[in-house]
């Protein structure tokens, strides 16, 4: 399927999605979001893909919603439709049954930052910056920013970013736990691929189960979450991957997982 605003490649179980609206600094237009949703559906149904890397360009990951489209929102009903669309897209990204690594260089602002928050892991280039500037327009981040950010960095730091609207640099993002690591710009994609290949060698069934458990557990009390964890562990003991993993360990070799 051809895309106008995305570049897509896959190799050895790892797919790379590149946001590609260079003249608009990767602003998230309706068409780009529709394409991304379609591609995520395609990936979800492709068993050959084990890990996804989501990235942008050198100077900008994405600068948020396309202002030309946002200015057309003239009523609460329009705003509801817009928020529903972007939240649905990022929920699809967050729940994708594959690990998703955001490889971020340049600006990740507004909706661009919220896309990063919906990914499982974030790697930042040294020139990356992250911010939720909606407060400067008398608005709030409507694609999960007020909910995912505090779950990631804590309530106090999240409120500071949300109330101020000022961007933070890569080192500060790492310090507060917004990103997992900071790397030189020239090695960003290589570092993301290295991490992706490591994830790809693990049992796809176990990885998918862990992702689902962590996501669901964030919205549960501890006791029912632990019960759910036990149930999932029991199910994994019935898989071929578990038997292969144990056999490989005893034979002192690398396992060959098949996702079954």
C-alpha atoms as a PDB file:
ATOM      1  CA  UNK A   1       0.000   0.000   0.000  1.00  0.00           C
ATOM      2  CA  UNK A   2       1.567   3.357  -1.029  1.00  0.00           C
ATOM      3  CA  UNK A   3       1.660   6.165   1.535  1.00  0.00           C
ATOM      4  CA  UNK A   4       1.987   9.898   0.908  1.00  0.00           C
ATOM      5  CA  UNK A   5       3.254  10.937   4.334  1.00  0.00           C
ATOM      6  CA  UNK A   6       5.005   7.835   5.653  1.00  0.00           C
ATOM      7  CA  UNK A   7       8.068   5.836   4.655  1.00  0.00           C
ATOM      8  CA  UNK A   8       8.010   2.152   5.518  1.00  0.00           C
ATOM      9  CA  UNK A   9      10.523  -0.664   5.428  1.00  0.00           C
ATOM     10  CA  UNK A  10      10.939  -4.025   7.106  1.00  0.00           C
ATOM     11  CA  UNK A  11      13.894  -6.352   7.443  1.00  0.00           C
ATOM     12  CA  UNK A  12      14.675  -9.357   9.650  1.00  0.00           C
ATOM     13  CA  UNK A  13      11.503  -8.973  11.690  1.00  0.00           C
ATOM     14  CA  UNK A  14      11.971  -5.251  12.345  1.00  0.00           C
ATOM     15  CA  UNK A  15       9.858  -2.613  10.615  1.00  0.00           C
ATOM     16  CA  UNK A  16      10.713   1.093  10.486  1.00  0.00           C
ATOM     17  CA  UNK A  17       8.017   3.745  10.091  1.00  0.00           C
ATOM     18  CA  UNK A  18       9.288   7.216   9.213  1.00  0.00           C
ATOM     19  CA  UNK A  19       6.992  10.221   9.495  1.00  0.00           C
ATOM     20  CA  UNK A  20       7.505  12.103   6.247  1.00  0.00           C
ATOM     21  CA  UNK A  21       5.966  15.564   5.821  1.00  0.00           C
ATOM     22  CA  UNK A  22       9.234  17.517   5.618  1.00  0.00           C
ATOM     23  CA  UNK A  23       7.751  20.819   4.446  1.00  0.00           C
ATOM     24  CA  UNK A  24       5.351  20.806   7.419  1.00  0.00           C
ATOM     25  CA  UNK A  25       7.887  19.577  10.017  1.00  0.00           C
ATOM     26  CA  UNK A  26       5.929  16.316  10.221  1.00  0.00           C
ATOM     27  CA  UNK A  27       2.823  18.066  11.522  1.00  0.00           C
ATOM     28  CA  UNK A  28       0.129  15.456  12.084  1.00  0.00           C
ATOM     29  CA  UNK A  29      -2.467  16.037   9.383  1.00  0.00           C
ATOM     30  CA  UNK A  30      -5.676  14.071   9.121  1.00  0.00           C
ATOM     31  CA  UNK A  31      -4.266  12.221   6.112  1.00  0.00           C
ATOM     32  CA  UNK A  32      -1.037  11.307   7.907  1.00  0.00           C
ATOM     33  CA  UNK A  33      -2.938  10.006  10.937  1.00  0.00           C
ATOM     34  CA  UNK A  34      -5.225   7.955   8.696  1.00  0.00           C
ATOM     35  CA  UNK A  35      -2.221   6.461   6.924  1.00  0.00           C
ATOM     36  CA  UNK A  36      -0.515   5.661  10.218  1.00  0.00           C
ATOM     37  CA  UNK A  37      -3.627   3.923  11.494  1.00  0.00           C
ATOM     38  CA  UNK A  38      -3.848   1.841   8.324  1.00  0.00           C
ATOM     39  CA  UNK A  39      -0.183   0.891   8.563  1.00  0.00           C
ATOM     40  CA  UNK A  40      -0.530  -0.128  12.215  1.00  0.00           C
ATOM     41  CA  UNK A  41      -3.418  -2.412  11.233  1.00  0.00           C
ATOM     42  CA  UNK A  42      -1.235  -3.908   8.513  1.00  0.00           C
ATOM     43  CA  UNK A  43       1.617  -4.508  10.964  1.00  0.00           C
ATOM     44  CA  UNK A  44      -0.703  -6.069  13.549  1.00  0.00           C
ATOM     45  CA  UNK A  45      -1.662  -8.702  10.974  1.00  0.00           C
ATOM     46  CA  UNK A  46       1.895  -9.380   9.784  1.00  0.00           C
ATOM     47  CA  UNK A  47       3.342 -12.217  11.875  1.00  0.00           C
ATOM     48  CA  UNK A  48       6.778 -11.706  10.323  1.00  0.00           C
ATOM     49  CA  UNK A  49       7.144  -8.371  12.143  1.00  0.00           C
ATOM     50  CA  UNK A  50       8.467  -8.701  15.685  1.00  0.00           C
ATOM     51  CA  UNK A  51       9.347  -5.071  16.547  1.00  0.00           C
ATOM     52  CA  UNK A  52       8.491  -1.612  15.209  1.00  0.00           C
ATOM     53  CA  UNK A  53      10.701   1.489  15.161  1.00  0.00           C
ATOM     54  CA  UNK A  54       8.908   4.819  14.739  1.00  0.00           C
ATOM     55  CA  UNK A  55      11.012   7.816  13.761  1.00  0.00           C
ATOM     56  CA  UNK A  56      10.967  11.167  11.969  1.00  0.00           C
ATOM     57  CA  UNK A  57      13.582  13.374  10.371  1.00  0.00           C
ATOM     58  CA  UNK A  58      16.838  14.733  11.770  1.00  0.00           C
ATOM     59  CA  UNK A  59      15.425  18.125  12.815  1.00  0.00           C
ATOM     60  CA  UNK A  60      11.888  17.178  13.781  1.00  0.00           C
ATOM     61  CA  UNK A  61      10.200  14.008  14.924  1.00  0.00           C
ATOM     62  CA  UNK A  62       6.808  15.736  14.735  1.00  0.00           C
ATOM     63  CA  UNK A  63       5.691  19.191  15.822  1.00  0.00           C
ATOM     64  CA  UNK A  64       2.107  18.324  16.729  1.00  0.00           C
ATOM     65  CA  UNK A  65      -1.218  18.715  14.998  1.00  0.00           C
ATOM     66  CA  UNK A  66      -1.365  20.502  11.653  1.00  0.00           C
ATOM     67  CA  UNK A  67      -2.279  24.067  12.630  1.00  0.00           C
ATOM     68  CA  UNK A  68      -4.059  24.581   9.305  1.00  0.00           C
ATOM     69  CA  UNK A  69      -6.511  21.869  10.310  1.00  0.00           C
ATOM     70  CA  UNK A  70      -6.732  22.807  13.995  1.00  0.00           C
ATOM     71  CA  UNK A  71      -7.820  26.364  13.131  1.00  0.00           C
ATOM     72  CA  UNK A  72     -10.864  24.873  11.388  1.00  0.00           C
ATOM     73  CA  UNK A  73     -12.150  23.473  14.691  1.00  0.00           C
ATOM     74  CA  UNK A  74     -14.924  25.902  15.541  1.00  0.00           C
ATOM     75  CA  UNK A  75     -17.168  24.034  17.978  1.00  0.00           C
ATOM     76  CA  UNK A  76     -17.084  21.601  20.868  1.00  0.00           C
ATOM     77  CA  UNK A  77     -18.469  18.957  18.546  1.00  0.00           C
ATOM     78  CA  UNK A  78     -15.565  19.471  16.121  1.00  0.00           C
ATOM     79  CA  UNK A  79     -13.112  19.296  19.014  1.00  0.00           C
ATOM     80  CA  UNK A  80     -14.679  16.063  20.223  1.00  0.00           C
ATOM     81  CA  UNK A  81     -14.280  14.494  16.799  1.00  0.00           C
ATOM     82  CA  UNK A  82     -10.651  15.591  16.591  1.00  0.00           C
ATOM     83  CA  UNK A  83      -9.796  14.294  20.067  1.00  0.00           C
ATOM     84  CA  UNK A  84     -11.562  10.997  19.411  1.00  0.00           C
ATOM     85  CA  UNK A  85      -9.591  10.496  16.195  1.00  0.00           C
ATOM     86  CA  UNK A  86      -6.154  11.136  17.687  1.00  0.00           C
ATOM     87  CA  UNK A  87      -6.855   9.217  20.892  1.00  0.00           C
ATOM     88  CA  UNK A  88      -8.062   6.242  18.862  1.00  0.00           C
ATOM     89  CA  UNK A  89      -4.875   6.308  16.786  1.00  0.00           C
ATOM     90  CA  UNK A  90      -2.552   6.460  19.789  1.00  0.00           C
ATOM     91  CA  UNK A  91      -4.528   3.773  21.587  1.00  0.00           C
ATOM     92  CA  UNK A  92      -3.957   1.590  18.525  1.00  0.00           C
ATOM     93  CA  UNK A  93      -0.243   2.398  18.703  1.00  0.00           C
ATOM     94  CA  UNK A  94      -0.051   1.730  22.441  1.00  0.00           C
ATOM     95  CA  UNK A  95      -1.907  -1.582  22.105  1.00  0.00           C
ATOM     96  CA  UNK A  96      -0.074  -2.815  19.017  1.00  0.00           C
ATOM     97  CA  UNK A  97       0.873  -6.456  19.738  1.00  0.00           C
ATOM     98  CA  UNK A  98       4.542  -5.697  19.026  1.00  0.00           C
ATOM     99  CA  UNK A  99       7.084  -3.607  20.949  1.00  0.00           C
ATOM    100  CA  UNK A 100       7.307  -0.089  19.514  1.00  0.00           C
ATOM    101  CA  UNK A 101      10.513   1.932  19.881  1.00  0.00           C
ATOM    102  CA  UNK A 102      10.363   5.685  19.282  1.00  0.00           C
ATOM    103  CA  UNK A 103      13.681   6.887  17.815  1.00  0.00           C
ATOM    104  CA  UNK A 104      13.505  10.648  18.319  1.00  0.00           C
ATOM    105  CA  UNK A 105      15.686  13.388  16.910  1.00  0.00           C
ATOM    106  CA  UNK A 106      14.811  17.054  16.752  1.00  0.00           C
ATOM    107  CA  UNK A 107      11.525  18.403  18.034  1.00  0.00           C
ATOM    108  CA  UNK A 108       8.798  16.174  19.451  1.00  0.00           C
ATOM    109  CA  UNK A 109       6.131  18.672  20.420  1.00  0.00           C
ATOM    110  CA  UNK A 110       2.423  18.442  21.168  1.00  0.00           C
ATOM    111  CA  UNK A 111       0.992  15.457  19.350  1.00  0.00           C
ATOM    112  CA  UNK A 112       4.523  14.455  18.370  1.00  0.00           C
ATOM    113  CA  UNK A 113       5.447  14.130  22.038  1.00  0.00           C
ATOM    114  CA  UNK A 114       2.200  12.253  22.694  1.00  0.00           C
ATOM    115  CA  UNK A 115       3.099   9.732  19.982  1.00  0.00           C
ATOM    116  CA  UNK A 116       6.362   9.121  21.830  1.00  0.00           C
ATOM    117  CA  UNK A 117       4.459   8.603  25.076  1.00  0.00           C
ATOM    118  CA  UNK A 118       2.293   5.949  23.412  1.00  0.00           C
ATOM    119  CA  UNK A 119       5.370   3.936  22.362  1.00  0.00           C
ATOM    120  CA  UNK A 120       6.879   1.288  24.623  1.00  0.00           C
ATOM    121  CA  UNK A 121      10.465   2.591  24.644  1.00  0.00           C
ATOM    122  CA  UNK A 122      11.966   5.939  23.685  1.00  0.00           C
ATOM    123  CA  UNK A 123      15.523   6.538  22.457  1.00  0.00           C
ATOM    124  CA  UNK A 124      16.524  10.177  21.982  1.00  0.00           C
ATOM    125  CA  UNK A 125      19.260  11.721  19.894  1.00  0.00           C
ATOM    126  CA  UNK A 126      21.268  14.424  21.632  1.00  0.00           C
ATOM    127  CA  UNK A 127      19.423  17.111  19.650  1.00  0.00           C
ATOM    128  CA  UNK A 128      15.955  15.909  20.655  1.00  0.00           C
ATOM    129  CA  UNK A 129      13.501  18.068  22.579  1.00  0.00           C
ATOM    130  CA  UNK A 130      10.121  17.197  24.057  1.00  0.00           C
ATOM    131  CA  UNK A 131       7.250  19.463  24.979  1.00  0.00           C
ATOM    132  CA  UNK A 132       3.499  19.847  25.344  1.00  0.00           C
ATOM    133  CA  UNK A 133       2.917  23.522  24.487  1.00  0.00           C
ATOM    134  CA  UNK A 134      -0.891  23.382  24.223  1.00  0.00           C
ATOM    135  CA  UNK A 135      -1.280  25.477  27.410  1.00  0.00           C
ATOM    136  CA  UNK A 136       0.125  28.437  25.463  1.00  0.00           C
ATOM    137  CA  UNK A 137      -2.990  28.269  23.266  1.00  0.00           C
ATOM    138  CA  UNK A 138      -5.354  27.933  26.208  1.00  0.00           C
ATOM    139  CA  UNK A 139      -5.707  24.225  25.468  1.00  0.00           C
ATOM    140  CA  UNK A 140      -4.500  20.895  26.781  1.00  0.00           C
ATOM    141  CA  UNK A 141      -2.884  17.880  25.112  1.00  0.00           C
ATOM    142  CA  UNK A 142      -5.827  15.873  23.800  1.00  0.00           C
ATOM    143  CA  UNK A 143      -4.088  12.689  22.643  1.00  0.00           C
ATOM    144  CA  UNK A 144      -3.262  11.248  26.041  1.00  0.00           C
ATOM    145  CA  UNK A 145      -0.621  13.703  27.216  1.00  0.00           C
ATOM    146  CA  UNK A 146      -2.299  14.522  30.524  1.00  0.00           C
ATOM    147  CA  UNK A 147      -2.617  10.816  31.312  1.00  0.00           C
ATOM    148  CA  UNK A 148       0.410   9.031  29.853  1.00  0.00           C
ATOM    149  CA  UNK A 149       2.999  11.633  30.905  1.00  0.00           C
ATOM    150  CA  UNK A 150       2.330  11.447  34.687  1.00  0.00           C
ATOM    151  CA  UNK A 151       2.293   7.662  34.507  1.00  0.00           C
ATOM    152  CA  UNK A 152       5.750   7.819  32.956  1.00  0.00           C
ATOM    153  CA  UNK A 153       7.555  10.598  34.828  1.00  0.00           C
ATOM    154  CA  UNK A 154       5.437  11.151  37.931  1.00  0.00           C
ATOM    155  CA  UNK A 155       2.711  13.661  38.725  1.00  0.00           C
ATOM    156  CA  UNK A 156       4.884  16.584  39.820  1.00  0.00           C
ATOM    157  CA  UNK A 157       7.186  16.628  36.812  1.00  0.00           C
ATOM    158  CA  UNK A 158       4.275  16.031  34.453  1.00  0.00           C
ATOM    159  CA  UNK A 159       2.287  18.956  35.857  1.00  0.00           C
ATOM    160  CA  UNK A 160       5.301  21.228  35.536  1.00  0.00           C
ATOM    161  CA  UNK A 161       5.631  20.373  31.830  1.00  0.00           C
ATOM    162  CA  UNK A 162       1.895  20.649  31.247  1.00  0.00           C
ATOM    163  CA  UNK A 163       1.457  23.936  33.139  1.00  0.00           C
ATOM    164  CA  UNK A 164       4.513  25.629  31.586  1.00  0.00           C
ATOM    165  CA  UNK A 165       4.379  24.288  28.055  1.00  0.00           C
ATOM    166  CA  UNK A 166       8.154  24.713  27.774  1.00  0.00           C
ATOM    167  CA  UNK A 167      10.173  22.007  25.971  1.00  0.00           C
ATOM    168  CA  UNK A 168      12.889  20.023  27.690  1.00  0.00           C
ATOM    169  CA  UNK A 169      16.074  18.740  26.080  1.00  0.00           C
ATOM    170  CA  UNK A 170      17.155  15.120  25.690  1.00  0.00           C
ATOM    171  CA  UNK A 171      19.281  15.001  28.848  1.00  0.00           C
ATOM    172  CA  UNK A 172      16.475  16.366  31.006  1.00  0.00           C
ATOM    173  CA  UNK A 173      14.059  13.914  29.371  1.00  0.00           C
ATOM    174  CA  UNK A 174      16.423  11.114  30.330  1.00  0.00           C
ATOM    175  CA  UNK A 175      16.848  12.433  33.872  1.00  0.00           C
ATOM    176  CA  UNK A 176      13.113  12.390  34.571  1.00  0.00           C
ATOM    177  CA  UNK A 177      12.511   9.055  32.867  1.00  0.00           C
ATOM    178  CA  UNK A 178      10.770  10.281  29.742  1.00  0.00           C
ATOM    179  CA  UNK A 179      13.331   8.547  27.514  1.00  0.00           C
ATOM    180  CA  UNK A 180      15.280   5.328  28.086  1.00  0.00           C
ATOM    181  CA  UNK A 181      18.606   6.514  26.685  1.00  0.00           C
ATOM    182  CA  UNK A 182      20.291   9.390  24.851  1.00  0.00           C
ATOM    183  CA  UNK A 183      22.660   8.683  21.967  1.00  0.00           C
ATOM    184  CA  UNK A 184      24.586  10.710  19.373  1.00  0.00           C
ATOM    185  CA  UNK A 185      22.427  11.757  16.439  1.00  0.00           C
ATOM    186  CA  UNK A 186      24.448   9.775  13.926  1.00  0.00           C
ATOM    187  CA  UNK A 187      23.912   6.516  15.827  1.00  0.00           C
ATOM    188  CA  UNK A 188      20.209   6.947  16.659  1.00  0.00           C
ATOM    189  CA  UNK A 189      18.762   4.480  14.164  1.00  0.00           C
ATOM    190  CA  UNK A 190      21.584   1.987  14.698  1.00  0.00           C
ATOM    191  CA  UNK A 191      20.925   2.051  18.448  1.00  0.00           C
ATOM    192  CA  UNK A 192      17.191   1.616  17.860  1.00  0.00           C
ATOM    193  CA  UNK A 193      17.851  -1.309  15.514  1.00  0.00           C
ATOM    194  CA  UNK A 194      20.209  -2.893  18.027  1.00  0.00           C
ATOM    195  CA  UNK A 195      17.527  -2.756  20.703  1.00  0.00           C
ATOM    196  CA  UNK A 196      14.868  -3.939  18.249  1.00  0.00           C
ATOM    197  CA  UNK A 197      16.941  -6.952  17.199  1.00  0.00           C
ATOM    198  CA  UNK A 198      17.375  -7.936  20.833  1.00  0.00           C
ATOM    199  CA  UNK A 199      13.611  -7.743  21.393  1.00  0.00           C
ATOM    200  CA  UNK A 200      13.058  -9.690  18.163  1.00  0.00           C
ATOM    201  CA  UNK A 201      15.068 -12.683  19.421  1.00  0.00           C
ATOM    202  CA  UNK A 202      12.761 -13.128  22.426  1.00  0.00           C
ATOM    203  CA  UNK A 203       9.576 -15.181  22.402  1.00  0.00           C
ATOM    204  CA  UNK A 204       6.932 -13.172  20.514  1.00  0.00           C
ATOM    205  CA  UNK A 205       4.218 -14.780  22.628  1.00  0.00           C
ATOM    206  CA  UNK A 206       5.901 -13.829  25.895  1.00  0.00           C
ATOM    207  CA  UNK A 207       6.710 -10.296  24.685  1.00  0.00           C
ATOM    208  CA  UNK A 208       3.121  -9.734  23.606  1.00  0.00           C
ATOM    209  CA  UNK A 209       1.821 -11.092  26.910  1.00  0.00           C
ATOM    210  CA  UNK A 210       4.170  -8.885  28.931  1.00  0.00           C
ATOM    211  CA  UNK A 211       3.182  -5.784  26.974  1.00  0.00           C
ATOM    212  CA  UNK A 212      -0.501  -6.479  27.511  1.00  0.00           C
ATOM    213  CA  UNK A 213       0.046  -7.140  31.222  1.00  0.00           C
ATOM    214  CA  UNK A 214       2.023  -3.946  31.814  1.00  0.00           C
ATOM    215  CA  UNK A 215      -0.481  -1.813  29.885  1.00  0.00           C
ATOM    216  CA  UNK A 216      -3.479  -3.315  31.658  1.00  0.00           C
ATOM    217  CA  UNK A 217      -1.817  -3.296  35.057  1.00  0.00           C
ATOM    218  CA  UNK A 218      -1.312   0.482  34.942  1.00  0.00           C
ATOM    219  CA  UNK A 219      -5.092   0.813  35.299  1.00  0.00           C
ATOM    220  CA  UNK A 220      -5.590  -1.883  37.951  1.00  0.00           C
ATOM    221  CA  UNK A 221      -5.057  -2.240  41.668  1.00  0.00           C
ATOM    222  CA  UNK A 222      -2.086  -4.403  42.634  1.00  0.00           C
ATOM    223  CA  UNK A 223      -3.913  -7.535  43.777  1.00  0.00           C
ATOM    224  CA  UNK A 224      -6.042  -8.108  40.643  1.00  0.00           C
ATOM    225  CA  UNK A 225      -2.996  -7.204  38.519  1.00  0.00           C
ATOM    226  CA  UNK A 226      -0.940  -9.881  40.292  1.00  0.00           C
ATOM    227  CA  UNK A 227      -3.727 -12.396  39.754  1.00  0.00           C
ATOM    228  CA  UNK A 228      -3.737 -11.550  36.053  1.00  0.00           C
ATOM    229  CA  UNK A 229       0.029 -11.980  35.971  1.00  0.00           C
ATOM    230  CA  UNK A 230      -0.244 -15.461  37.488  1.00  0.00           C
ATOM    231  CA  UNK A 231      -2.864 -16.492  34.940  1.00  0.00           C
ATOM    232  CA  UNK A 232      -0.664 -15.324  32.062  1.00  0.00           C
ATOM    233  CA  UNK A 233       2.348 -17.152  33.474  1.00  0.00           C
ATOM    234  CA  UNK A 234       0.311 -20.347  33.621  1.00  0.00           C
ATOM    235  CA  UNK A 235      -0.667 -19.939  29.975  1.00  0.00           C
ATOM    236  CA  UNK A 236       2.941 -19.349  28.880  1.00  0.00           C
ATOM    237  CA  UNK A 237       3.966 -22.653  30.440  1.00  0.00           C
ATOM    238  CA  UNK A 238       1.743 -24.363  27.862  1.00  0.00           C
ATOM    239  CA  UNK A 239       3.493 -22.786  24.853  1.00  0.00           C
ATOM    240  CA  UNK A 240       6.071 -24.286  22.524  1.00  0.00           C
ATOM    241  CA  UNK A 241       8.248 -21.203  23.052  1.00  0.00           C
ATOM    242  CA  UNK A 242       8.494 -21.922  26.784  1.00  0.00           C
ATOM    243  CA  UNK A 243       9.556 -25.496  26.142  1.00  0.00           C
ATOM    244  CA  UNK A 244      12.103 -24.359  23.554  1.00  0.00           C
ATOM    245  CA  UNK A 245      13.448 -21.682  25.897  1.00  0.00           C
ATOM    246  CA  UNK A 246      13.927 -24.145  28.738  1.00  0.00           C
ATOM    247  CA  UNK A 247      15.482 -26.777  26.462  1.00  0.00           C
ATOM    248  CA  UNK A 248      17.894 -24.231  24.962  1.00  0.00           C
ATOM    249  CA  UNK A 249      18.916 -23.071  28.432  1.00  0.00           C
ATOM    250  CA  UNK A 250      19.725 -26.604  29.530  1.00  0.00           C
ATOM    251  CA  UNK A 251      21.592 -27.274  26.277  1.00  0.00           C
ATOM    252  CA  UNK A 252      23.532 -24.007  26.642  1.00  0.00           C
ATOM    253  CA  UNK A 253      22.455 -22.612  23.259  1.00  0.00           C
ATOM    254  CA  UNK A 254      20.369 -19.706  21.976  1.00  0.00           C
ATOM    255  CA  UNK A 255      16.653 -20.522  21.712  1.00  0.00           C
ATOM    256  CA  UNK A 256      14.778 -20.431  18.429  1.00  0.00           C
ATOM    257  CA  UNK A 257      11.353 -19.036  19.219  1.00  0.00           C
ATOM    258  CA  UNK A 258       8.452 -19.401  16.799  1.00  0.00           C
ATOM    259  CA  UNK A 259       5.718 -17.501  18.601  1.00  0.00           C
ATOM    260  CA  UNK A 260       3.722 -20.583  19.440  1.00  0.00           C
END
